[in-house]
Structure formats: C-alpha cells, structure tokens
Amino acid sequence: MYDNFSADYDRFVNWDERLAFEMPFIENVVKQVRSRKNPPLDILDTACGTGMHAVALAKQGHKVSAADLFPEMIYKSHHNAHEANVELQLVKAGLGDMARTFGRERFDLVMCLGNSLPHLLTFAELADSLRDFAACLRPGGMVLIQNRNFDAVMSKKQRWMDPQPHREGDAEWLFQRFYDFEPDGLIRFNIVTLKRFGVSSWQASVTDTRLRPQLRAELEQTTLRAGFNELQLFGSMKGEPFSPAASGNLILTAYKE
C-alpha cells in the first residue's frame, strides 16, 4: 500500500495543521525525558512515513534517526529533510528490527506514531516490536505510541473516517478512508483517492492494507511485559484522559525500567 501511496501521502496529510496540533504534546514528552538527562535527545522515529515528525524534532536541535519499511517513504523523507535543511539518519527497516538496525540502548525516546503499530498482524509481532523498542532505549528512556482507539472502533464498528481534501493550482484530490471488518478479526484499511484537473472528470484509485486492532488492555499489558513502567494513556495528542468509548486515539507513553 504505502509504496504506491507515497507520492500522495503529503497531500493526504495536512502537515501544517497536524504538526501545529501534535508537536506541543510531543515537545512536552521530550521535556519529561530531558528532565532525566541533558539535551539534546537521541530520538528514533519508527514507521516514520515521509519523516515530517522527525524533521520537526531535528529542527529543534535533537539528533533524530528514522526508519520505514517502504523505500518510497524513505525517499520522500530524504526529500523533506533536504527541503528543511536538517540531517536525519534514515534507514529502511521494519518494526521489530530497530535494535538490530540502530544498536541497543542508544536512544532516549522511541516514537511509533500515525497508527503504525496495528500493521503488525499477530500478537507475537506486537510483543516482539515492543521488546525491540525497549532494547533500543537507554535505561529511563521513553516510548511514545499513537494508535487509533480500536476499543471504540470495534465496539461501534466505526467504518468511515472524515474525507481529506487537497488542492494544488487547478489540481484537486479527495481522499476517503474506510474499514472493512473481516471474519478473522482483522481490519482491511482502504483509501480511495479521487483526483481531477480543473472541471474534468474525477479519476479514482483504491489502495488497501490489513490492520490488527490493538485494544487498550492488550497494549497496556504487552508494554508492561516488554520492560516498561509508569504507563500513561491519553485520548489524543491534545493530552486529555483516554476514554475507551469516546476517544479518537489511544496515546501511550511509558519509561523503560
């Protein structure tokens, strides 16, 4: 899905709005970690997509590494880092391969944002990835995870998400996301891309991938078993308390023991 979608990913995400909303929360997380060591931090952004969170943190003077499984996303991340005049260590690597790729006990903060962790389709892969995050962190380091709130998605069968529009000159895009709930308990995540120039007819394309809905209880318990403590849960990057019934996101922070 993501190699095919990489060309439109930065059109799909309104980065000005998203970073304006999310970075104050991330900066507060950085301050919590920084209180345990001197700045700047060594930060790893896993499943980094087009690298925009990594770029924003590098602009603040942190030493940032980033990884993604998909070569086209790494290519776009290089481009975005160059445009922002910052340096990132960018590597093609998937979840579960961070310690092997970057080394053990190297980072102060490991991030897994954008609902990336649910792309792991088995419990074993989830447990391995969380242990891998712990292996990458120095003692006292922190993990930051941003998932959809699948407790609400699964209980209410929340299928549709808000459409995302984008314009460049006379070109227009409209992205529509929705879920299919499959018999094996997994979810098929679909993105329909509509594109047109001027008043011409819309051209449509569809891409999809599968997700495993990670519920609050499983994610909490697996994070603790992976060697983390002092877990905190939030309902969004605004920082409000997590509500299984009402929150849009499940944000988790925890320290390595």
C-alpha atoms as a PDB file:
ATOM      1  CA  MET A   1       0.000   0.000   0.000  1.00  0.00           C
ATOM      2  CA  TYR A   2       2.494   2.611   1.174  1.00  0.00           C
ATOM      3  CA  ASP A   3       4.982   2.484  -1.693  1.00  0.00           C
ATOM      4  CA  ASN A   4       2.022   3.036  -4.025  1.00  0.00           C
ATOM      5  CA  PHE A   5       0.572   5.793  -1.839  1.00  0.00           C
ATOM      6  CA  SER A   6       3.845   7.601  -1.024  1.00  0.00           C
ATOM      7  CA  ALA A   7       3.535  10.121  -3.874  1.00  0.00           C
ATOM      8  CA  ASP A   8       0.255  11.418  -2.415  1.00  0.00           C
ATOM      9  CA  TYR A   9       0.974  10.935   1.288  1.00  0.00           C
ATOM     10  CA  ASP A  10       1.985  14.543   1.942  1.00  0.00           C
ATOM     11  CA  ARG A  11      -1.164  15.654   0.126  1.00  0.00           C
ATOM     12  CA  PHE A  12      -3.294  13.293   2.189  1.00  0.00           C
ATOM     13  CA  VAL A  13      -1.894  14.681   5.465  1.00  0.00           C
ATOM     14  CA  ASN A  14      -2.267  18.404   6.152  1.00  0.00           C
ATOM     15  CA  TRP A  15       1.096  18.681   7.875  1.00  0.00           C
ATOM     16  CA  ASP A  16       0.756  22.331   8.863  1.00  0.00           C
ATOM     17  CA  GLU A  17      -2.393  21.548  10.840  1.00  0.00           C
ATOM     18  CA  ARG A  18      -1.219  18.190  12.138  1.00  0.00           C
ATOM     19  CA  LEU A  19       2.143  19.400  13.438  1.00  0.00           C
ATOM     20  CA  ALA A  20       0.567  22.502  14.968  1.00  0.00           C
ATOM     21  CA  PHE A  21      -1.780  20.199  16.898  1.00  0.00           C
ATOM     22  CA  GLU A  22       0.633  17.371  17.781  1.00  0.00           C
ATOM     23  CA  MET A  23       4.029  18.976  18.366  1.00  0.00           C
ATOM     24  CA  PRO A  24       3.152  20.705  21.687  1.00  0.00           C
ATOM     25  CA  PHE A  25       2.308  17.274  23.151  1.00  0.00           C
ATOM     26  CA  ILE A  26       5.460  15.708  21.677  1.00  0.00           C
ATOM     27  CA  GLU A  27       7.548  18.621  22.969  1.00  0.00           C
ATOM     28  CA  ASN A  28       6.108  18.017  26.444  1.00  0.00           C
ATOM     29  CA  VAL A  29       7.117  14.346  26.185  1.00  0.00           C
ATOM     30  CA  VAL A  30      10.624  15.478  25.189  1.00  0.00           C
ATOM     31  CA  LYS A  31      10.756  17.712  28.290  1.00  0.00           C
ATOM     32  CA  GLN A  32       9.823  14.778  30.517  1.00  0.00           C
ATOM     33  CA  VAL A  33      12.663  12.699  29.079  1.00  0.00           C
ATOM     34  CA  ARG A  34      15.032  15.666  29.107  1.00  0.00           C
ATOM     35  CA  SER A  35      14.483  16.093  32.839  1.00  0.00           C
ATOM     36  CA  ARG A  36      16.319  12.789  33.254  1.00  0.00           C
ATOM     37  CA  LYS A  37      19.288  13.768  31.032  1.00  0.00           C
ATOM     38  CA  ASN A  38      20.925  16.734  29.362  1.00  0.00           C
ATOM     39  CA  PRO A  39      19.572  17.905  25.982  1.00  0.00           C
ATOM     40  CA  PRO A  40      19.549  17.399  23.079  1.00  0.00           C
ATOM     41  CA  LEU A  41      17.949  13.969  22.900  1.00  0.00           C
ATOM     42  CA  ASP A  42      18.712  10.982  20.690  1.00  0.00           C
ATOM     43  CA  ILE A  43      15.317  10.182  19.134  1.00  0.00           C
ATOM     44  CA  LEU A  44      14.142   7.318  16.917  1.00  0.00           C
ATOM     45  CA  ASP A  45      11.003   7.734  14.788  1.00  0.00           C
ATOM     46  CA  THR A  46       9.866   4.266  13.729  1.00  0.00           C
ATOM     47  CA  ALA A  47       7.474   3.737  10.790  1.00  0.00           C
ATOM     48  CA  CYS A  48       8.316   7.360  10.004  1.00  0.00           C
ATOM     49  CA  GLY A  49       6.335   7.676   6.758  1.00  0.00           C
ATOM     50  CA  THR A  50       7.557  10.793   4.963  1.00  0.00           C
ATOM     51  CA  GLY A  51       9.561  11.874   8.018  1.00  0.00           C
ATOM     52  CA  MET A  52       7.734  15.055   8.961  1.00  0.00           C
ATOM     53  CA  HIS A  53       7.732  14.452  12.735  1.00  0.00           C
ATOM     54  CA  ALA A  54      11.426  13.570  12.547  1.00  0.00           C
ATOM     55  CA  VAL A  55      12.130  16.754  10.581  1.00  0.00           C
ATOM     56  CA  ALA A  56      10.246  18.874  13.133  1.00  0.00           C
ATOM     57  CA  LEU A  57      12.277  17.405  16.009  1.00  0.00           C
ATOM     58  CA  ALA A  58      15.563  17.794  14.114  1.00  0.00           C
ATOM     59  CA  LYS A  59      14.718  21.478  13.629  1.00  0.00           C
ATOM     60  CA  GLN A  60      14.669  21.756  17.428  1.00  0.00           C
ATOM     61  CA  GLY A  61      18.262  20.509  17.606  1.00  0.00           C
ATOM     62  CA  HIS A  62      17.695  16.867  18.513  1.00  0.00           C
ATOM     63  CA  LYS A  63      19.683  14.042  16.950  1.00  0.00           C
ATOM     64  CA  VAL A  64      16.997  12.150  15.052  1.00  0.00           C
ATOM     65  CA  SER A  65      17.060   8.771  13.332  1.00  0.00           C
ATOM     66  CA  ALA A  66      14.093   7.442  11.394  1.00  0.00           C
ATOM     67  CA  ALA A  67      13.105   4.167   9.764  1.00  0.00           C
ATOM     68  CA  ASP A  68      10.356   2.919   7.497  1.00  0.00           C
ATOM     69  CA  LEU A  69       9.761  -0.417   5.799  1.00  0.00           C
ATOM     70  CA  PHE A  70       8.940   1.165   2.428  1.00  0.00           C
ATOM     71  CA  PRO A  71      11.724   2.552   0.179  1.00  0.00           C
ATOM     72  CA  GLU A  72       9.498   5.226  -1.369  1.00  0.00           C
ATOM     73  CA  MET A  73       8.702   6.599   2.083  1.00  0.00           C
ATOM     74  CA  ILE A  74      12.426   6.784   2.876  1.00  0.00           C
ATOM     75  CA  TYR A  75      12.977   8.601  -0.436  1.00  0.00           C
ATOM     76  CA  LYS A  76      10.281  11.132   0.473  1.00  0.00           C
ATOM     77  CA  SER A  77      11.797  11.535   3.951  1.00  0.00           C
ATOM     78  CA  HIS A  78      15.192  12.353   2.408  1.00  0.00           C
ATOM     79  CA  HIS A  79      13.488  14.961   0.232  1.00  0.00           C
ATOM     80  CA  ASN A  80      11.626  16.525   3.169  1.00  0.00           C
ATOM     81  CA  ALA A  81      14.770  16.631   5.318  1.00  0.00           C
ATOM     82  CA  HIS A  82      16.700  18.283   2.462  1.00  0.00           C
ATOM     83  CA  GLU A  83      13.930  20.862   1.960  1.00  0.00           C
ATOM     84  CA  ALA A  84      14.031  21.659   5.685  1.00  0.00           C
ATOM     85  CA  ASN A  85      17.858  21.773   5.738  1.00  0.00           C
ATOM     86  CA  VAL A  86      18.156  19.233   8.545  1.00  0.00           C
ATOM     87  CA  GLU A  87      20.083  15.988   8.877  1.00  0.00           C
ATOM     88  CA  LEU A  88      18.366  12.696   9.630  1.00  0.00           C
ATOM     89  CA  GLN A  89      19.744   9.183   9.761  1.00  0.00           C
ATOM     90  CA  LEU A  90      17.231   7.425   7.513  1.00  0.00           C
ATOM     91  CA  VAL A  91      17.198   3.640   7.173  1.00  0.00           C
ATOM     92  CA  LYS A  92      14.873   1.129   5.517  1.00  0.00           C
ATOM     93  CA  ALA A  93      13.780  -1.137   8.383  1.00  0.00           C
ATOM     94  CA  GLY A  94      10.518  -2.535   9.683  1.00  0.00           C
ATOM     95  CA  LEU A  95       9.042  -2.717  13.163  1.00  0.00           C
ATOM     96  CA  GLY A  96      10.857  -5.327  15.227  1.00  0.00           C
ATOM     97  CA  ASP A  97      14.222  -4.625  13.556  1.00  0.00           C
ATOM     98  CA  MET A  98      15.165  -1.381  15.311  1.00  0.00           C
ATOM     99  CA  ALA A  99      17.760  -2.689  17.783  1.00  0.00           C
ATOM    100  CA  ARG A 100      19.394  -4.824  15.105  1.00  0.00           C
ATOM    101  CA  THR A 101      19.478  -1.830  12.745  1.00  0.00           C
ATOM    102  CA  PHE A 102      20.475   1.020  15.066  1.00  0.00           C
ATOM    103  CA  GLY A 103      22.017  -0.687  18.102  1.00  0.00           C
ATOM    104  CA  ARG A 104      20.954  -1.380  21.673  1.00  0.00           C
ATOM    105  CA  GLU A 105      20.414   1.210  24.427  1.00  0.00           C
ATOM    106  CA  ARG A 106      21.089   4.080  22.035  1.00  0.00           C
ATOM    107  CA  PHE A 107      18.002   6.306  22.216  1.00  0.00           C
ATOM    108  CA  ASP A 108      16.295   8.492  24.803  1.00  0.00           C
ATOM    109  CA  LEU A 109      12.917   8.483  23.023  1.00  0.00           C
ATOM    110  CA  VAL A 110      11.378   5.992  20.587  1.00  0.00           C
ATOM    111  CA  MET A 111       8.217   7.068  18.748  1.00  0.00           C
ATOM    112  CA  CYS A 112       5.710   4.965  16.805  1.00  0.00           C
ATOM    113  CA  LEU A 113       3.076   7.394  15.506  1.00  0.00           C
ATOM    114  CA  GLY A 114       0.280   7.502  12.942  1.00  0.00           C
ATOM    115  CA  ASN A 115      -1.446   4.235  13.853  1.00  0.00           C
ATOM    116  CA  SER A 116       1.594   2.283  12.641  1.00  0.00           C
ATOM    117  CA  LEU A 117       1.773  -0.416  15.316  1.00  0.00           C
ATOM    118  CA  PRO A 118      -1.562  -2.061  14.271  1.00  0.00           C
ATOM    119  CA  HIS A 119       0.069  -3.012  10.946  1.00  0.00           C
ATOM    120  CA  LEU A 120       1.605  -5.889  12.935  1.00  0.00           C
ATOM    121  CA  LEU A 121      -0.884  -8.680  12.277  1.00  0.00           C
ATOM    122  CA  THR A 122      -0.142 -11.067  15.171  1.00  0.00           C
ATOM    123  CA  PHE A 123       0.225 -10.751  18.927  1.00  0.00           C
ATOM    124  CA  ALA A 124       3.738 -12.234  18.655  1.00  0.00           C
ATOM    125  CA  GLU A 125       4.799  -9.445  16.276  1.00  0.00           C
ATOM    126  CA  LEU A 126       3.394  -6.820  18.636  1.00  0.00           C
ATOM    127  CA  ALA A 127       5.229  -8.302  21.628  1.00  0.00           C
ATOM    128  CA  ASP A 128       8.475  -8.580  19.648  1.00  0.00           C
ATOM    129  CA  SER A 129       8.219  -4.973  18.482  1.00  0.00           C
ATOM    130  CA  LEU A 130       7.638  -3.598  21.993  1.00  0.00           C
ATOM    131  CA  ARG A 131      10.601  -5.611  23.323  1.00  0.00           C
ATOM    132  CA  ASP A 132      12.617  -4.233  20.417  1.00  0.00           C
ATOM    133  CA  PHE A 133      11.644  -0.666  21.378  1.00  0.00           C
ATOM    134  CA  ALA A 134      12.833  -1.379  24.927  1.00  0.00           C
ATOM    135  CA  ALA A 135      16.113  -2.792  23.634  1.00  0.00           C
ATOM    136  CA  CYS A 136      16.746   0.423  21.661  1.00  0.00           C
ATOM    137  CA  LEU A 137      16.223   2.671  24.689  1.00  0.00           C
ATOM    138  CA  ARG A 138      18.688   3.681  27.349  1.00  0.00           C
ATOM    139  CA  PRO A 139      17.504   2.990  30.912  1.00  0.00           C
ATOM    140  CA  GLY A 140      14.963   5.683  31.764  1.00  0.00           C
ATOM    141  CA  GLY A 141      14.153   6.305  28.105  1.00  0.00           C
ATOM    142  CA  MET A 142      10.581   6.684  26.920  1.00  0.00           C
ATOM    143  CA  VAL A 143       8.359   5.162  24.265  1.00  0.00           C
ATOM    144  CA  LEU A 144       5.533   7.176  22.651  1.00  0.00           C
ATOM    145  CA  ILE A 145       2.829   5.284  20.720  1.00  0.00           C
ATOM    146  CA  GLN A 146      -0.100   6.788  18.800  1.00  0.00           C
ATOM    147  CA  ASN A 147      -2.842   4.344  17.736  1.00  0.00           C
ATOM    148  CA  ARG A 148      -6.475   4.682  16.768  1.00  0.00           C
ATOM    149  CA  ASN A 149      -8.783   3.907  19.664  1.00  0.00           C
ATOM    150  CA  PHE A 150      -9.761   0.445  18.494  1.00  0.00           C
ATOM    151  CA  ASP A 151     -11.864  -0.161  21.615  1.00  0.00           C
ATOM    152  CA  ALA A 152     -14.376   2.319  20.158  1.00  0.00           C
ATOM    153  CA  VAL A 153     -13.831   1.271  16.532  1.00  0.00           C
ATOM    154  CA  MET A 154     -14.554  -2.381  17.260  1.00  0.00           C
ATOM    155  CA  SER A 155     -17.421  -1.905  19.727  1.00  0.00           C
ATOM    156  CA  LYS A 156     -19.265   0.528  17.432  1.00  0.00           C
ATOM    157  CA  LYS A 157     -17.967  -0.850  14.111  1.00  0.00           C
ATOM    158  CA  GLN A 158     -16.839   2.651  13.175  1.00  0.00           C
ATOM    159  CA  ARG A 159     -16.263   2.144   9.479  1.00  0.00           C
ATOM    160  CA  TRP A 160     -15.910   5.619   7.937  1.00  0.00           C
ATOM    161  CA  MET A 161     -13.403   8.413   8.579  1.00  0.00           C
ATOM    162  CA  ASP A 162     -13.620  12.037   7.521  1.00  0.00           C
ATOM    163  CA  PRO A 163     -12.594  12.749   3.900  1.00  0.00           C
ATOM    164  CA  GLN A 164      -9.358  14.666   3.374  1.00  0.00           C
ATOM    165  CA  PRO A 165      -9.316  17.312   0.570  1.00  0.00           C
ATOM    166  CA  HIS A 166      -6.228  18.871  -1.035  1.00  0.00           C
ATOM    167  CA  ARG A 167      -5.647  21.429  -3.835  1.00  0.00           C
ATOM    168  CA  GLU A 168      -2.571  22.444  -5.841  1.00  0.00           C
ATOM    169  CA  GLY A 169      -3.320  25.013  -8.523  1.00  0.00           C
ATOM    170  CA  ASP A 170      -6.087  23.589 -10.694  1.00  0.00           C
ATOM    171  CA  ALA A 171      -5.458  20.032  -9.421  1.00  0.00           C
ATOM    172  CA  GLU A 172      -7.729  18.629  -6.718  1.00  0.00           C
ATOM    173  CA  TRP A 173      -7.520  15.494  -4.592  1.00  0.00           C
ATOM    174  CA  LEU A 174     -10.060  13.907  -2.274  1.00  0.00           C
ATOM    175  CA  PHE A 175      -9.064  11.015  -0.014  1.00  0.00           C
ATOM    176  CA  GLN A 176     -11.744   8.809   1.561  1.00  0.00           C
ATOM    177  CA  ARG A 177     -10.772   6.219   4.193  1.00  0.00           C
ATOM    178  CA  PHE A 178     -12.881   3.332   5.458  1.00  0.00           C
ATOM    179  CA  TYR A 179     -12.571  -0.052   7.136  1.00  0.00           C
ATOM    180  CA  ASP A 180     -13.830  -3.497   6.201  1.00  0.00           C
ATOM    181  CA  PHE A 181     -14.215  -5.768   9.233  1.00  0.00           C
ATOM    182  CA  GLU A 182     -13.024  -9.233   8.243  1.00  0.00           C
ATOM    183  CA  PRO A 183     -14.127 -12.626   9.646  1.00  0.00           C
ATOM    184  CA  ASP A 184     -10.696 -13.377  11.167  1.00  0.00           C
ATOM    185  CA  GLY A 185     -10.891 -10.277  13.392  1.00  0.00           C
ATOM    186  CA  LEU A 186      -8.531  -8.186  11.275  1.00  0.00           C
ATOM    187  CA  ILE A 187      -9.468  -4.949   9.527  1.00  0.00           C
ATOM    188  CA  ARG A 188      -8.910  -4.010   5.908  1.00  0.00           C
ATOM    189  CA  PHE A 189      -7.976  -0.328   5.724  1.00  0.00           C
ATOM    190  CA  ASN A 190      -8.963   1.205   2.376  1.00  0.00           C
ATOM    191  CA  ILE A 191      -8.064   4.580   0.884  1.00  0.00           C
ATOM    192  CA  VAL A 192      -9.949   5.806  -2.174  1.00  0.00           C
ATOM    193  CA  THR A 193      -8.102   8.595  -3.989  1.00  0.00           C
ATOM    194  CA  LEU A 194     -10.122  10.855  -6.286  1.00  0.00           C
ATOM    195  CA  LYS A 195      -8.174  13.279  -8.496  1.00  0.00           C
ATOM    196  CA  ARG A 196      -9.112  15.767 -11.206  1.00  0.00           C
ATOM    197  CA  PHE A 197      -7.732  18.797 -13.018  1.00  0.00           C
ATOM    198  CA  GLY A 198      -9.982  21.834 -13.318  1.00  0.00           C
ATOM    199  CA  VAL A 199     -13.527  20.705 -14.071  1.00  0.00           C
ATOM    200  CA  SER A 200     -12.525  17.414 -15.717  1.00  0.00           C
ATOM    201  CA  SER A 201     -13.969  14.087 -14.562  1.00  0.00           C
ATOM    202  CA  TRP A 202     -12.706  12.560 -11.347  1.00  0.00           C
ATOM    203  CA  GLN A 203     -10.224   9.687 -11.698  1.00  0.00           C
ATOM    204  CA  ALA A 204     -10.339   7.111  -8.901  1.00  0.00           C
ATOM    205  CA  SER A 205      -7.833   4.663  -7.459  1.00  0.00           C
ATOM    206  CA  VAL A 206      -8.023   2.409  -4.411  1.00  0.00           C
ATOM    207  CA  THR A 207      -5.263   1.033  -2.198  1.00  0.00           C
ATOM    208  CA  ASP A 208      -5.575  -1.068   0.944  1.00  0.00           C
ATOM    209  CA  THR A 209      -3.718  -2.843   3.711  1.00  0.00           C
ATOM    210  CA  ARG A 210      -4.669  -5.004   6.689  1.00  0.00           C
ATOM    211  CA  LEU A 211      -4.581  -3.974  10.345  1.00  0.00           C
ATOM    212  CA  ARG A 212      -4.899  -5.859  13.623  1.00  0.00           C
ATOM    213  CA  PRO A 213      -6.968  -3.819  16.099  1.00  0.00           C
ATOM    214  CA  GLN A 214      -4.935  -3.465  19.300  1.00  0.00           C
ATOM    215  CA  LEU A 215      -7.241  -2.880  22.247  1.00  0.00           C
ATOM    216  CA  ARG A 216      -6.248  -0.905  25.311  1.00  0.00           C
ATOM    217  CA  ALA A 217      -5.879  -3.876  27.664  1.00  0.00           C
ATOM    218  CA  GLU A 218      -3.639  -5.828  25.294  1.00  0.00           C
ATOM    219  CA  LEU A 219      -1.408  -2.850  24.511  1.00  0.00           C
ATOM    220  CA  GLU A 220      -1.021  -1.936  28.187  1.00  0.00           C
ATOM    221  CA  GLN A 221      -0.226  -5.474  29.315  1.00  0.00           C
ATOM    222  CA  THR A 222       2.179  -6.159  26.451  1.00  0.00           C
ATOM    223  CA  THR A 223       4.013  -2.883  27.049  1.00  0.00           C
ATOM    224  CA  LEU A 224       4.489  -3.726  30.725  1.00  0.00           C
ATOM    225  CA  ARG A 225       5.735  -7.232  29.884  1.00  0.00           C
ATOM    226  CA  ALA A 226       8.226  -5.712  27.414  1.00  0.00           C
ATOM    227  CA  GLY A 227      10.029  -3.959  30.279  1.00  0.00           C
ATOM    228  CA  PHE A 228       8.264  -0.604  30.589  1.00  0.00           C
ATOM    229  CA  ASN A 229       6.653   1.102  33.576  1.00  0.00           C
ATOM    230  CA  GLU A 230       4.920   4.379  34.522  1.00  0.00           C
ATOM    231  CA  LEU A 231       2.401   3.966  31.692  1.00  0.00           C
ATOM    232  CA  GLN A 232       0.171   6.909  30.864  1.00  0.00           C
ATOM    233  CA  LEU A 233      -2.767   6.901  28.441  1.00  0.00           C
ATOM    234  CA  PHE A 234      -4.255   9.872  26.592  1.00  0.00           C
ATOM    235  CA  GLY A 235      -7.173  10.266  24.212  1.00  0.00           C
ATOM    236  CA  SER A 236      -5.348  12.402  21.652  1.00  0.00           C
ATOM    237  CA  MET A 237      -2.234  14.489  21.155  1.00  0.00           C
ATOM    238  CA  LYS A 238      -4.125  17.247  22.966  1.00  0.00           C
ATOM    239  CA  GLY A 239      -3.362  15.287  26.132  1.00  0.00           C
ATOM    240  CA  GLU A 240      -6.851  14.672  27.536  1.00  0.00           C
ATOM    241  CA  PRO A 241      -7.551  11.456  29.506  1.00  0.00           C
ATOM    242  CA  PHE A 242      -8.251   8.335  27.468  1.00  0.00           C
ATOM    243  CA  SER A 243     -11.885   7.219  27.157  1.00  0.00           C
ATOM    244  CA  PRO A 244     -12.399   3.735  25.641  1.00  0.00           C
ATOM    245  CA  ALA A 245     -15.858   4.748  24.441  1.00  0.00           C
ATOM    246  CA  ALA A 246     -15.206   8.258  23.146  1.00  0.00           C
ATOM    247  CA  SER A 247     -11.528   8.981  22.374  1.00  0.00           C
ATOM    248  CA  GLY A 248     -10.377   9.081  18.783  1.00  0.00           C
ATOM    249  CA  ASN A 249      -6.843   7.941  19.591  1.00  0.00           C
ATOM    250  CA  LEU A 250      -5.039   5.816  22.149  1.00  0.00           C
ATOM    251  CA  ILE A 251      -1.787   7.579  23.046  1.00  0.00           C
ATOM    252  CA  LEU A 252       0.590   5.644  25.315  1.00  0.00           C
ATOM    253  CA  THR A 253       3.785   6.808  26.991  1.00  0.00           C
ATOM    254  CA  ALA A 254       5.965   4.634  29.205  1.00  0.00           C
ATOM    255  CA  TYR A 255       9.506   4.568  30.608  1.00  0.00           C
ATOM    256  CA  LYS A 256      11.989   1.758  30.205  1.00  0.00           C
ATOM    257  CA  GLU A 257      12.769   0.148  33.556  1.00  0.00           C
END
